[in-house]
Amino acid sequence: MVSALVALGALTLAGCAPEPASGVDPDTGSAAAALELSNCGVAVTIDAPPERVITIKSTSTEMLLALGLGDRIIGTAFPDGPVPEEWADAAADLPLMSDRVPGEEAVLELEPDFIYAGWESNFSADGVGERDELAALGIDTYVSPAACRSAEVPDELDFEEVFREIAEVASIFDVDASDLIEAQRAELDAIVPDSRGLTALWYSSGSDTPYVGAGTGAPQMVLDAIGLRNIAGDIEGGWTSLSWEAVIEADPSVIVLVESDWGSAEKKIAQLEGNPATAQLTAVLGERYLIVPFAASEAGVRSVSAASDLSAQLASLTAP
């Protein structure tokens, strides 16, 4: 197994690489140094690569699948939708604990040594348990860094932060992520941003008040990559509530619709076209909709492919 130190060196992610991964040095047979990192303000020490992992949210499950670590997953929870076809076989036999956040009792029954969550709020007394309490039980925890809210919140999310998470997770499990990151960089570099000066609304959910992508999170990162100006881009945060009046005033050229089981693109389109006010929006009149799966709308290993797919959809649209 290639050590995480070598893998991270190959990635040239200077200034953001964690300490070397733990375990036994294959050359000397002696114990390697523990991996120490800070995650959402919580100090985490990994004494050995996790073997029994619970993943919560699609972002964490798919990260491990992309790194070839599906065999470490003993339970998944709170999926946001089906995994992409490329990982479908690896995900087919993963045990689903719950459609939502499981309780601590259900988690402890599986005897995990690591819990990887897509949202910081997954770790709570009402969820899988508090992080310090789990640590006292010998269970290490980790939150997708882009989802940190209590500490170490990214000022403005970019793809380097996504690649840093891939590298950091790889170091925790002592695997090499260089090929994965190289492939993602190549796919990102191949995107040609749209040059038509179009504006966009990133519409995630909500009917009375839309919940939309704001100016510092994954939606903004993706819109920047494909050449769309976010009408809510001046609002700090990854997501925000925005009034329909503000949407109508901005009159976006394109609307990105987040597809989910609880809020399909068809449902959103029907609402937009059925309301006399929003039916007159430029994007609605021209049926200029882009669709992204919810699981790909949050920062993670699918962010680059989401940008690439949306760019292809955008290229097929006629400008207003």
C-alpha atoms as a PDB file:
ATOM      1  CA  MET A   1       0.000   0.000   0.000  1.00  0.00           C
ATOM      2  CA  VAL A   2       1.355   3.397  -0.911  1.00  0.00           C
ATOM      3  CA  SER A   3       1.666   5.556   2.167  1.00  0.00           C
ATOM      4  CA  ALA A   4      -0.508   8.643   2.484  1.00  0.00           C
ATOM      5  CA  LEU A   5       2.596  10.793   2.862  1.00  0.00           C
ATOM      6  CA  VAL A   6       3.839   9.764  -0.592  1.00  0.00           C
ATOM      7  CA  ALA A   7       0.342  10.118  -2.048  1.00  0.00           C
ATOM      8  CA  LEU A   8      -0.088  13.615  -0.713  1.00  0.00           C
ATOM      9  CA  GLY A   9       3.365  14.604  -1.905  1.00  0.00           C
ATOM     10  CA  ALA A  10       2.419  13.517  -5.408  1.00  0.00           C
ATOM     11  CA  LEU A  11      -0.631  15.741  -5.221  1.00  0.00           C
ATOM     12  CA  THR A  12       1.518  18.795  -4.404  1.00  0.00           C
ATOM     13  CA  LEU A  13      -1.141  20.111  -2.088  1.00  0.00           C
ATOM     14  CA  ALA A  14       1.339  22.218  -0.188  1.00  0.00           C
ATOM     15  CA  GLY A  15       0.168  23.778   3.032  1.00  0.00           C
ATOM     16  CA  CYS A  16      -2.972  21.697   3.387  1.00  0.00           C
ATOM     17  CA  ALA A  17      -1.728  18.116   3.772  1.00  0.00           C
ATOM     18  CA  PRO A  18      -2.248  16.449   7.156  1.00  0.00           C
ATOM     19  CA  GLU A  19       0.371  14.452   9.011  1.00  0.00           C
ATOM     20  CA  PRO A  20       1.329  10.981   7.672  1.00  0.00           C
ATOM     21  CA  ALA A  21      -1.194   8.185   8.003  1.00  0.00           C
ATOM     22  CA  SER A  22      -0.875   5.699  10.788  1.00  0.00           C
ATOM     23  CA  GLY A  23      -0.457   1.955  10.880  1.00  0.00           C
ATOM     24  CA  VAL A  24       2.634  -0.202  10.463  1.00  0.00           C
ATOM     25  CA  ASP A  25       5.480   0.999   8.272  1.00  0.00           C
ATOM     26  CA  PRO A  26       5.831  -1.670   5.553  1.00  0.00           C
ATOM     27  CA  ASP A  27       9.594  -1.094   5.352  1.00  0.00           C
ATOM     28  CA  THR A  28      10.499  -1.193   9.038  1.00  0.00           C
ATOM     29  CA  GLY A  29       7.604  -3.130  10.533  1.00  0.00           C
ATOM     30  CA  SER A  30       7.330  -0.539  13.311  1.00  0.00           C
ATOM     31  CA  ALA A  31       4.278   1.499  14.205  1.00  0.00           C
ATOM     32  CA  ALA A  32       3.947   4.666  12.146  1.00  0.00           C
ATOM     33  CA  ALA A  33       3.047   8.005  13.705  1.00  0.00           C
ATOM     34  CA  ALA A  34      -0.620   8.670  14.355  1.00  0.00           C
ATOM     35  CA  LEU A  35      -2.422  10.943  11.935  1.00  0.00           C
ATOM     36  CA  GLU A  36      -3.514  14.151  13.627  1.00  0.00           C
ATOM     37  CA  LEU A  37      -5.856  16.669  12.052  1.00  0.00           C
ATOM     38  CA  SER A  38      -8.379  19.345  12.921  1.00  0.00           C
ATOM     39  CA  ASN A  39     -11.874  18.898  11.515  1.00  0.00           C
ATOM     40  CA  CYS A  40     -14.540  21.581  12.078  1.00  0.00           C
ATOM     41  CA  GLY A  41     -12.510  22.667  15.088  1.00  0.00           C
ATOM     42  CA  VAL A  42     -12.376  19.153  16.567  1.00  0.00           C
ATOM     43  CA  ALA A  43      -8.978  17.517  17.090  1.00  0.00           C
ATOM     44  CA  VAL A  44      -8.981  14.047  15.544  1.00  0.00           C
ATOM     45  CA  THR A  45      -6.231  11.457  16.014  1.00  0.00           C
ATOM     46  CA  ILE A  46      -6.244   8.395  13.777  1.00  0.00           C
ATOM     47  CA  ASP A  47      -4.086   5.607  15.229  1.00  0.00           C
ATOM     48  CA  ALA A  48      -4.801   3.173  12.386  1.00  0.00           C
ATOM     49  CA  PRO A  49      -6.758   3.294   9.112  1.00  0.00           C
ATOM     50  CA  PRO A  50     -10.465   2.729   9.890  1.00  0.00           C
ATOM     51  CA  GLU A  51     -11.858  -0.706   9.119  1.00  0.00           C
ATOM     52  CA  ARG A  52     -15.511  -0.406  10.226  1.00  0.00           C
ATOM     53  CA  VAL A  53     -17.061   2.778   8.885  1.00  0.00           C
ATOM     54  CA  ILE A  54     -20.540   4.266   9.027  1.00  0.00           C
ATOM     55  CA  THR A  55     -21.265   6.918   6.385  1.00  0.00           C
ATOM     56  CA  ILE A  56     -24.016   9.495   6.707  1.00  0.00           C
ATOM     57  CA  LYS A  57     -25.214  11.427   3.635  1.00  0.00           C
ATOM     58  CA  SER A  58     -24.347  10.631   0.038  1.00  0.00           C
ATOM     59  CA  THR A  59     -21.239  12.805  -0.015  1.00  0.00           C
ATOM     60  CA  SER A  60     -19.425  10.619   2.512  1.00  0.00           C
ATOM     61  CA  THR A  61     -20.577   7.303   1.055  1.00  0.00           C
ATOM     62  CA  GLU A  62     -19.604   8.316  -2.473  1.00  0.00           C
ATOM     63  CA  MET A  63     -16.220   9.636  -1.367  1.00  0.00           C
ATOM     64  CA  LEU A  64     -15.282   6.233   0.010  1.00  0.00           C
ATOM     65  CA  LEU A  65     -16.643   4.458  -3.054  1.00  0.00           C
ATOM     66  CA  ALA A  66     -14.585   6.717  -5.322  1.00  0.00           C
ATOM     67  CA  LEU A  67     -11.477   5.846  -3.288  1.00  0.00           C
ATOM     68  CA  GLY A  68     -12.204   2.128  -3.572  1.00  0.00           C
ATOM     69  CA  LEU A  69     -13.092   1.813   0.102  1.00  0.00           C
ATOM     70  CA  GLY A  70     -16.612   0.423  -0.125  1.00  0.00           C
ATOM     71  CA  ASP A  71     -15.495  -2.725   1.689  1.00  0.00           C
ATOM     72  CA  ARG A  72     -14.839  -0.636   4.817  1.00  0.00           C
ATOM     73  CA  ILE A  73     -18.456   0.558   5.024  1.00  0.00           C
ATOM     74  CA  ILE A  74     -20.569  -1.405   7.514  1.00  0.00           C
ATOM     75  CA  GLY A  75     -23.582   0.897   7.381  1.00  0.00           C
ATOM     76  CA  THR A  76     -24.919   3.898   5.480  1.00  0.00           C
ATOM     77  CA  ALA A  77     -27.638   6.388   6.346  1.00  0.00           C
ATOM     78  CA  PHE A  78     -29.473   9.462   5.058  1.00  0.00           C
ATOM     79  CA  PRO A  79     -28.827   8.935   1.328  1.00  0.00           C
ATOM     80  CA  ASP A  80     -29.722  11.829  -0.953  1.00  0.00           C
ATOM     81  CA  GLY A  81     -30.359   9.678  -3.999  1.00  0.00           C
ATOM     82  CA  PRO A  82     -28.886   6.809  -6.004  1.00  0.00           C
ATOM     83  CA  VAL A  83     -25.133   6.639  -6.483  1.00  0.00           C
ATOM     84  CA  PRO A  84     -23.749   7.219  -9.986  1.00  0.00           C
ATOM     85  CA  GLU A  85     -23.612   4.219 -12.310  1.00  0.00           C
ATOM     86  CA  GLU A  86     -19.826   3.968 -12.015  1.00  0.00           C
ATOM     87  CA  TRP A  87     -20.142   3.052  -8.321  1.00  0.00           C
ATOM     88  CA  ALA A  88     -23.478   1.229  -8.452  1.00  0.00           C
ATOM     89  CA  ASP A  89     -21.991  -2.280  -8.254  1.00  0.00           C
ATOM     90  CA  ALA A  90     -19.788  -1.368  -5.285  1.00  0.00           C
ATOM     91  CA  ALA A  91     -22.769   0.218  -3.523  1.00  0.00           C
ATOM     92  CA  ALA A  92     -25.264  -2.563  -4.252  1.00  0.00           C
ATOM     93  CA  ASP A  93     -24.675  -4.518  -1.041  1.00  0.00           C
ATOM     94  CA  LEU A  94     -24.037  -1.632   1.332  1.00  0.00           C
ATOM     95  CA  PRO A  95     -26.380  -1.975   4.334  1.00  0.00           C
ATOM     96  CA  LEU A  96     -28.761   0.952   4.743  1.00  0.00           C
ATOM     97  CA  MET A  97     -29.288   1.741   8.416  1.00  0.00           C
ATOM     98  CA  SER A  98     -31.862   4.489   7.984  1.00  0.00           C
ATOM     99  CA  ASP A  99     -33.283   6.880   5.414  1.00  0.00           C
ATOM    100  CA  ARG A 100     -32.556   9.638   7.919  1.00  0.00           C
ATOM    101  CA  VAL A 101     -29.943  10.148  10.628  1.00  0.00           C
ATOM    102  CA  PRO A 102     -29.770   7.001  12.787  1.00  0.00           C
ATOM    103  CA  GLY A 103     -29.817   7.133  16.552  1.00  0.00           C
ATOM    104  CA  GLU A 104     -26.755   6.525  18.688  1.00  0.00           C
ATOM    105  CA  GLU A 105     -27.989   3.142  19.882  1.00  0.00           C
ATOM    106  CA  ALA A 106     -28.287   1.847  16.316  1.00  0.00           C
ATOM    107  CA  VAL A 107     -24.802   3.171  15.571  1.00  0.00           C
ATOM    108  CA  LEU A 108     -23.181   1.549  18.589  1.00  0.00           C
ATOM    109  CA  GLU A 109     -24.756  -1.815  17.792  1.00  0.00           C
ATOM    110  CA  LEU A 110     -22.619  -1.977  14.640  1.00  0.00           C
ATOM    111  CA  GLU A 111     -19.405  -1.318  16.601  1.00  0.00           C
ATOM    112  CA  PRO A 112     -17.871   1.171  14.134  1.00  0.00           C
ATOM    113  CA  ASP A 113     -14.393   2.588  14.555  1.00  0.00           C
ATOM    114  CA  PHE A 114     -15.119   5.608  12.344  1.00  0.00           C
ATOM    115  CA  ILE A 115     -18.147   7.726  11.392  1.00  0.00           C
ATOM    116  CA  TYR A 116     -17.932   9.964   8.333  1.00  0.00           C
ATOM    117  CA  ALA A 117     -20.748  12.508   8.057  1.00  0.00           C
ATOM    118  CA  GLY A 118     -21.769  14.854   5.291  1.00  0.00           C
ATOM    119  CA  TRP A 119     -23.263  17.395   7.690  1.00  0.00           C
ATOM    120  CA  GLU A 120     -21.875  18.578  11.007  1.00  0.00           C
ATOM    121  CA  SER A 121     -25.403  18.487  12.454  1.00  0.00           C
ATOM    122  CA  ASN A 122     -25.451  14.701  12.031  1.00  0.00           C
ATOM    123  CA  PHE A 123     -23.382  14.570  15.227  1.00  0.00           C
ATOM    124  CA  SER A 124     -25.804  15.495  17.991  1.00  0.00           C
ATOM    125  CA  ALA A 125     -27.565  14.003  21.004  1.00  0.00           C
ATOM    126  CA  ASP A 126     -30.597  13.465  18.769  1.00  0.00           C
ATOM    127  CA  GLY A 127     -28.463  12.006  15.986  1.00  0.00           C
ATOM    128  CA  VAL A 128     -25.562   9.569  16.015  1.00  0.00           C
ATOM    129  CA  GLY A 129     -24.139  11.136  19.169  1.00  0.00           C
ATOM    130  CA  GLU A 130     -21.835  13.986  20.147  1.00  0.00           C
ATOM    131  CA  ARG A 131     -18.323  13.816  18.750  1.00  0.00           C
ATOM    132  CA  ASP A 132     -16.551  13.970  22.117  1.00  0.00           C
ATOM    133  CA  GLU A 133     -18.770  11.229  23.508  1.00  0.00           C
ATOM    134  CA  LEU A 134     -18.088   9.004  20.510  1.00  0.00           C
ATOM    135  CA  ALA A 135     -14.350   9.666  20.803  1.00  0.00           C
ATOM    136  CA  ALA A 136     -14.460   8.518  24.426  1.00  0.00           C
ATOM    137  CA  LEU A 137     -15.930   5.250  23.156  1.00  0.00           C
ATOM    138  CA  GLY A 138     -13.046   4.814  20.732  1.00  0.00           C
ATOM    139  CA  ILE A 139     -14.982   5.938  17.637  1.00  0.00           C
ATOM    140  CA  ASP A 140     -13.253   8.527  15.455  1.00  0.00           C
ATOM    141  CA  THR A 141     -15.429  11.019  13.582  1.00  0.00           C
ATOM    142  CA  TYR A 142     -15.075  13.213  10.538  1.00  0.00           C
ATOM    143  CA  VAL A 143     -17.254  15.795   8.772  1.00  0.00           C
ATOM    144  CA  SER A 144     -16.900  16.852   5.150  1.00  0.00           C
ATOM    145  CA  PRO A 145     -14.832  20.042   5.649  1.00  0.00           C
ATOM    146  CA  ALA A 146     -16.962  22.032   3.209  1.00  0.00           C
ATOM    147  CA  ALA A 147     -19.910  21.390   5.547  1.00  0.00           C
ATOM    148  CA  CYS A 148     -18.203  22.790   8.666  1.00  0.00           C
ATOM    149  CA  ARG A 149     -20.373  25.404  10.360  1.00  0.00           C
ATOM    150  CA  SER A 150     -19.104  25.712  13.962  1.00  0.00           C
ATOM    151  CA  ALA A 151     -15.431  26.309  13.089  1.00  0.00           C
ATOM    152  CA  GLU A 152     -13.031  26.217  10.151  1.00  0.00           C
ATOM    153  CA  VAL A 153     -15.763  27.358   7.766  1.00  0.00           C
ATOM    154  CA  PRO A 154     -14.323  27.921   4.269  1.00  0.00           C
ATOM    155  CA  ASP A 155     -14.444  31.621   3.385  1.00  0.00           C
ATOM    156  CA  GLU A 156     -15.436  30.771  -0.161  1.00  0.00           C
ATOM    157  CA  LEU A 157     -15.569  27.217  -1.391  1.00  0.00           C
ATOM    158  CA  ASP A 158     -13.471  26.291  -4.401  1.00  0.00           C
ATOM    159  CA  PHE A 159     -12.401  23.088  -6.096  1.00  0.00           C
ATOM    160  CA  GLU A 160      -9.057  23.101  -4.291  1.00  0.00           C
ATOM    161  CA  GLU A 161     -10.997  22.608  -1.062  1.00  0.00           C
ATOM    162  CA  VAL A 162     -12.789  19.647  -2.656  1.00  0.00           C
ATOM    163  CA  PHE A 163      -9.467  18.133  -3.736  1.00  0.00           C
ATOM    164  CA  ARG A 164      -8.058  18.756  -0.254  1.00  0.00           C
ATOM    165  CA  GLU A 165     -10.885  16.706   1.273  1.00  0.00           C
ATOM    166  CA  ILE A 166     -10.241  13.857  -1.137  1.00  0.00           C
ATOM    167  CA  ALA A 167      -6.555  13.902  -0.162  1.00  0.00           C
ATOM    168  CA  GLU A 168      -7.310  14.136   3.558  1.00  0.00           C
ATOM    169  CA  VAL A 169      -9.777  11.240   3.502  1.00  0.00           C
ATOM    170  CA  ALA A 170      -7.243   9.211   1.537  1.00  0.00           C
ATOM    171  CA  SER A 171      -4.636   9.926   4.204  1.00  0.00           C
ATOM    172  CA  ILE A 172      -7.001   8.768   6.947  1.00  0.00           C
ATOM    173  CA  PHE A 173      -7.399   5.429   5.184  1.00  0.00           C
ATOM    174  CA  ASP A 174      -3.779   5.293   3.995  1.00  0.00           C
ATOM    175  CA  VAL A 175      -4.632   5.014   0.294  1.00  0.00           C
ATOM    176  CA  ASP A 176      -3.432   6.893  -2.778  1.00  0.00           C
ATOM    177  CA  ALA A 177      -5.814   9.505  -4.199  1.00  0.00           C
ATOM    178  CA  SER A 178      -3.460  10.933  -6.816  1.00  0.00           C
ATOM    179  CA  ASP A 179      -5.119   9.252  -9.813  1.00  0.00           C
ATOM    180  CA  LEU A 180      -8.582  10.313  -8.677  1.00  0.00           C
ATOM    181  CA  ILE A 181      -7.573  13.928  -8.152  1.00  0.00           C
ATOM    182  CA  GLU A 182      -5.606  14.035 -11.401  1.00  0.00           C
ATOM    183  CA  ALA A 183      -8.653  12.766 -13.294  1.00  0.00           C
ATOM    184  CA  GLN A 184     -10.889  15.344 -11.624  1.00  0.00           C
ATOM    185  CA  ARG A 185      -8.481  18.169 -12.404  1.00  0.00           C
ATOM    186  CA  ALA A 186      -8.411  17.108 -16.048  1.00  0.00           C
ATOM    187  CA  GLU A 187     -12.208  17.007 -16.236  1.00  0.00           C
ATOM    188  CA  LEU A 188     -12.462  20.425 -14.578  1.00  0.00           C
ATOM    189  CA  ASP A 189      -9.838  21.922 -16.901  1.00  0.00           C
ATOM    190  CA  ALA A 190     -11.796  20.643 -19.912  1.00  0.00           C
ATOM    191  CA  ILE A 191     -14.849  22.756 -19.018  1.00  0.00           C
ATOM    192  CA  VAL A 192     -15.179  25.822 -21.241  1.00  0.00           C
ATOM    193  CA  PRO A 193     -17.096  28.529 -19.314  1.00  0.00           C
ATOM    194  CA  ASP A 194     -20.092  29.973 -21.141  1.00  0.00           C
ATOM    195  CA  SER A 195     -19.260  33.446 -22.458  1.00  0.00           C
ATOM    196  CA  ARG A 196     -22.766  34.769 -23.101  1.00  0.00           C
ATOM    197  CA  GLY A 197     -23.043  36.706 -19.843  1.00  0.00           C
ATOM    198  CA  LEU A 198     -26.008  34.661 -18.609  1.00  0.00           C
ATOM    199  CA  THR A 199     -27.395  34.831 -15.083  1.00  0.00           C
ATOM    200  CA  ALA A 200     -28.761  31.926 -13.054  1.00  0.00           C
ATOM    201  CA  LEU A 201     -30.948  30.990 -10.112  1.00  0.00           C
ATOM    202  CA  TRP A 202     -29.868  27.814  -8.284  1.00  0.00           C
ATOM    203  CA  TYR A 203     -33.248  26.575  -7.030  1.00  0.00           C
ATOM    204  CA  SER A 204     -32.936  23.811  -4.461  1.00  0.00           C
ATOM    205  CA  SER A 205     -36.259  23.631  -2.640  1.00  0.00           C
ATOM    206  CA  GLY A 206     -39.193  25.543  -1.197  1.00  0.00           C
ATOM    207  CA  SER A 207     -42.423  26.795  -2.693  1.00  0.00           C
ATOM    208  CA  ASP A 208     -43.596  29.809  -0.690  1.00  0.00           C
ATOM    209  CA  THR A 209     -39.989  30.912  -0.238  1.00  0.00           C
ATOM    210  CA  PRO A 210     -37.323  29.368  -2.471  1.00  0.00           C
ATOM    211  CA  TYR A 211     -34.149  27.996  -0.895  1.00  0.00           C
ATOM    212  CA  VAL A 212     -31.332  28.799  -3.283  1.00  0.00           C
ATOM    213  CA  GLY A 213     -27.590  28.604  -3.775  1.00  0.00           C
ATOM    214  CA  ALA A 214     -25.848  31.658  -2.329  1.00  0.00           C
ATOM    215  CA  GLY A 215     -22.409  33.174  -2.887  1.00  0.00           C
ATOM    216  CA  THR A 216     -19.813  31.105  -1.025  1.00  0.00           C
ATOM    217  CA  GLY A 217     -20.755  27.429  -1.292  1.00  0.00           C
ATOM    218  CA  ALA A 218     -20.924  24.574  -3.775  1.00  0.00           C
ATOM    219  CA  PRO A 219     -23.561  26.163  -6.061  1.00  0.00           C
ATOM    220  CA  GLN A 220     -21.446  29.308  -6.486  1.00  0.00           C
ATOM    221  CA  MET A 221     -18.333  27.212  -7.108  1.00  0.00           C
ATOM    222  CA  VAL A 222     -20.076  25.260  -9.871  1.00  0.00           C
ATOM    223  CA  LEU A 223     -21.761  28.298 -11.447  1.00  0.00           C
ATOM    224  CA  ASP A 224     -18.420  30.105 -11.597  1.00  0.00           C
ATOM    225  CA  ALA A 225     -16.841  27.099 -13.313  1.00  0.00           C
ATOM    226  CA  ILE A 226     -19.460  26.981 -16.070  1.00  0.00           C
ATOM    227  CA  GLY A 227     -19.705  30.733 -16.653  1.00  0.00           C
ATOM    228  CA  LEU A 228     -23.030  31.665 -15.051  1.00  0.00           C
ATOM    229  CA  ARG A 229     -23.534  34.665 -12.750  1.00  0.00           C
ATOM    230  CA  ASN A 230     -25.476  33.727  -9.635  1.00  0.00           C
ATOM    231  CA  ILE A 231     -28.338  36.149  -8.902  1.00  0.00           C
ATOM    232  CA  ALA A 232     -27.815  35.382  -5.181  1.00  0.00           C
ATOM    233  CA  GLY A 233     -24.035  35.541  -5.447  1.00  0.00           C
ATOM    234  CA  ASP A 234     -23.745  38.625  -3.256  1.00  0.00           C
ATOM    235  CA  ILE A 235     -25.282  36.786  -0.290  1.00  0.00           C
ATOM    236  CA  GLU A 236     -22.774  35.192   2.075  1.00  0.00           C
ATOM    237  CA  GLY A 237     -23.170  31.485   2.788  1.00  0.00           C
ATOM    238  CA  GLY A 238     -23.658  28.339   0.784  1.00  0.00           C
ATOM    239  CA  TRP A 239     -27.456  28.494   0.790  1.00  0.00           C
ATOM    240  CA  THR A 240     -30.081  31.090   1.569  1.00  0.00           C
ATOM    241  CA  SER A 241     -33.789  31.828   1.465  1.00  0.00           C
ATOM    242  CA  LEU A 242     -34.686  34.295  -1.273  1.00  0.00           C
ATOM    243  CA  SER A 243     -38.042  35.908  -1.910  1.00  0.00           C
ATOM    244  CA  TRP A 244     -39.837  35.324  -5.190  1.00  0.00           C
ATOM    245  CA  GLU A 245     -39.963  39.101  -5.546  1.00  0.00           C
ATOM    246  CA  ALA A 246     -36.148  39.169  -5.583  1.00  0.00           C
ATOM    247  CA  VAL A 247     -36.064  36.358  -8.143  1.00  0.00           C
ATOM    248  CA  ILE A 248     -38.546  38.169 -10.384  1.00  0.00           C
ATOM    249  CA  GLU A 249     -36.572  41.405 -10.127  1.00  0.00           C
ATOM    250  CA  ALA A 250     -33.321  39.621 -11.051  1.00  0.00           C
ATOM    251  CA  ASP A 251     -35.044  37.741 -13.899  1.00  0.00           C
ATOM    252  CA  PRO A 252     -32.427  35.001 -14.381  1.00  0.00           C
ATOM    253  CA  SER A 253     -31.501  33.759 -17.851  1.00  0.00           C
ATOM    254  CA  VAL A 254     -31.259  30.159 -16.624  1.00  0.00           C
ATOM    255  CA  ILE A 255     -32.645  28.224 -13.653  1.00  0.00           C
ATOM    256  CA  VAL A 256     -30.711  25.315 -12.151  1.00  0.00           C
ATOM    257  CA  LEU A 257     -33.185  22.844 -10.663  1.00  0.00           C
ATOM    258  CA  VAL A 258     -32.037  20.463  -7.927  1.00  0.00           C
ATOM    259  CA  GLU A 259     -33.580  17.032  -8.468  1.00  0.00           C
ATOM    260  CA  SER A 260     -34.547  15.085  -5.344  1.00  0.00           C
ATOM    261  CA  ASP A 261     -37.074  12.520  -4.181  1.00  0.00           C
ATOM    262  CA  TRP A 262     -38.821  15.197  -2.113  1.00  0.00           C
ATOM    263  CA  GLY A 263     -38.677  17.932  -4.740  1.00  0.00           C
ATOM    264  CA  SER A 264     -38.461  16.797  -8.346  1.00  0.00           C
ATOM    265  CA  ALA A 265     -37.482  19.043 -11.223  1.00  0.00           C
ATOM    266  CA  GLU A 266     -40.920  18.453 -12.754  1.00  0.00           C
ATOM    267  CA  LYS A 267     -42.598  19.708  -9.597  1.00  0.00           C
ATOM    268  CA  LYS A 268     -40.470  22.853  -9.573  1.00  0.00           C
ATOM    269  CA  ILE A 269     -41.138  23.507 -13.254  1.00  0.00           C
ATOM    270  CA  ALA A 270     -44.885  23.084 -12.736  1.00  0.00           C
ATOM    271  CA  GLN A 271     -44.792  25.591  -9.902  1.00  0.00           C
ATOM    272  CA  LEU A 272     -42.731  28.106 -11.873  1.00  0.00           C
ATOM    273  CA  GLU A 273     -44.964  27.832 -14.936  1.00  0.00           C
ATOM    274  CA  GLY A 274     -48.185  27.741 -12.924  1.00  0.00           C
ATOM    275  CA  ASN A 275     -47.595  30.972 -11.016  1.00  0.00           C
ATOM    276  CA  PRO A 276     -48.532  34.013 -13.158  1.00  0.00           C
ATOM    277  CA  ALA A 277     -45.610  36.029 -11.787  1.00  0.00           C
ATOM    278  CA  THR A 278     -42.815  33.477 -12.221  1.00  0.00           C
ATOM    279  CA  ALA A 279     -44.313  32.243 -15.495  1.00  0.00           C
ATOM    280  CA  GLN A 280     -43.072  35.493 -17.064  1.00  0.00           C
ATOM    281  CA  LEU A 281     -39.457  34.967 -16.035  1.00  0.00           C
ATOM    282  CA  THR A 282     -37.065  34.913 -18.980  1.00  0.00           C
ATOM    283  CA  ALA A 283     -35.789  31.445 -18.066  1.00  0.00           C
ATOM    284  CA  VAL A 284     -39.305  30.048 -17.693  1.00  0.00           C
ATOM    285  CA  LEU A 285     -40.586  31.528 -20.949  1.00  0.00           C
ATOM    286  CA  GLY A 286     -37.616  30.017 -22.757  1.00  0.00           C
ATOM    287  CA  GLU A 287     -37.737  26.743 -20.786  1.00  0.00           C
ATOM    288  CA  ARG A 288     -34.072  27.216 -19.989  1.00  0.00           C
ATOM    289  CA  TYR A 289     -33.647  24.730 -17.149  1.00  0.00           C
ATOM    290  CA  LEU A 290     -30.552  22.849 -16.019  1.00  0.00           C
ATOM    291  CA  ILE A 291     -30.948  19.841 -13.729  1.00  0.00           C
ATOM    292  CA  VAL A 292     -28.544  18.567 -11.071  1.00  0.00           C
ATOM    293  CA  PRO A 293     -29.125  15.664  -8.626  1.00  0.00           C
ATOM    294  CA  PHE A 294     -29.275  16.717  -4.983  1.00  0.00           C
ATOM    295  CA  ALA A 295     -26.408  14.378  -4.094  1.00  0.00           C
ATOM    296  CA  ALA A 296     -24.208  16.191  -6.619  1.00  0.00           C
ATOM    297  CA  SER A 297     -25.267  19.657  -5.460  1.00  0.00           C
ATOM    298  CA  GLU A 298     -23.251  19.469  -2.239  1.00  0.00           C
ATOM    299  CA  ALA A 299     -19.469  19.751  -2.242  1.00  0.00           C
ATOM    300  CA  GLY A 300     -17.739  16.429  -2.678  1.00  0.00           C
ATOM    301  CA  VAL A 301     -16.336  13.908  -5.067  1.00  0.00           C
ATOM    302  CA  ARG A 302     -19.202  14.574  -7.537  1.00  0.00           C
ATOM    303  CA  SER A 303     -18.710  18.346  -7.735  1.00  0.00           C
ATOM    304  CA  VAL A 304     -16.512  18.255 -10.823  1.00  0.00           C
ATOM    305  CA  SER A 305     -18.807  15.879 -12.700  1.00  0.00           C
ATOM    306  CA  ALA A 306     -21.785  18.071 -11.726  1.00  0.00           C
ATOM    307  CA  ALA A 307     -20.056  21.102 -13.227  1.00  0.00           C
ATOM    308  CA  SER A 308     -19.149  19.171 -16.360  1.00  0.00           C
ATOM    309  CA  ASP A 309     -22.700  17.886 -16.823  1.00  0.00           C
ATOM    310  CA  LEU A 310     -24.290  21.285 -16.217  1.00  0.00           C
ATOM    311  CA  SER A 311     -21.847  22.868 -18.660  1.00  0.00           C
ATOM    312  CA  ALA A 312     -22.943  20.412 -21.349  1.00  0.00           C
ATOM    313  CA  GLN A 313     -26.610  21.143 -20.610  1.00  0.00           C
ATOM    314  CA  LEU A 314     -25.939  24.875 -20.750  1.00  0.00           C
ATOM    315  CA  ALA A 315     -24.172  24.622 -24.096  1.00  0.00           C
ATOM    316  CA  SER A 316     -27.318  23.129 -25.610  1.00  0.00           C
ATOM    317  CA  LEU A 317     -29.535  26.043 -24.549  1.00  0.00           C
ATOM    318  CA  THR A 318     -30.330  28.963 -26.814  1.00  0.00           C
ATOM    319  CA  ALA A 319     -29.440  32.276 -25.220  1.00  0.00           C
ATOM    320  CA  PRO A 320     -32.326  34.682 -24.488  1.00  0.00           C
END
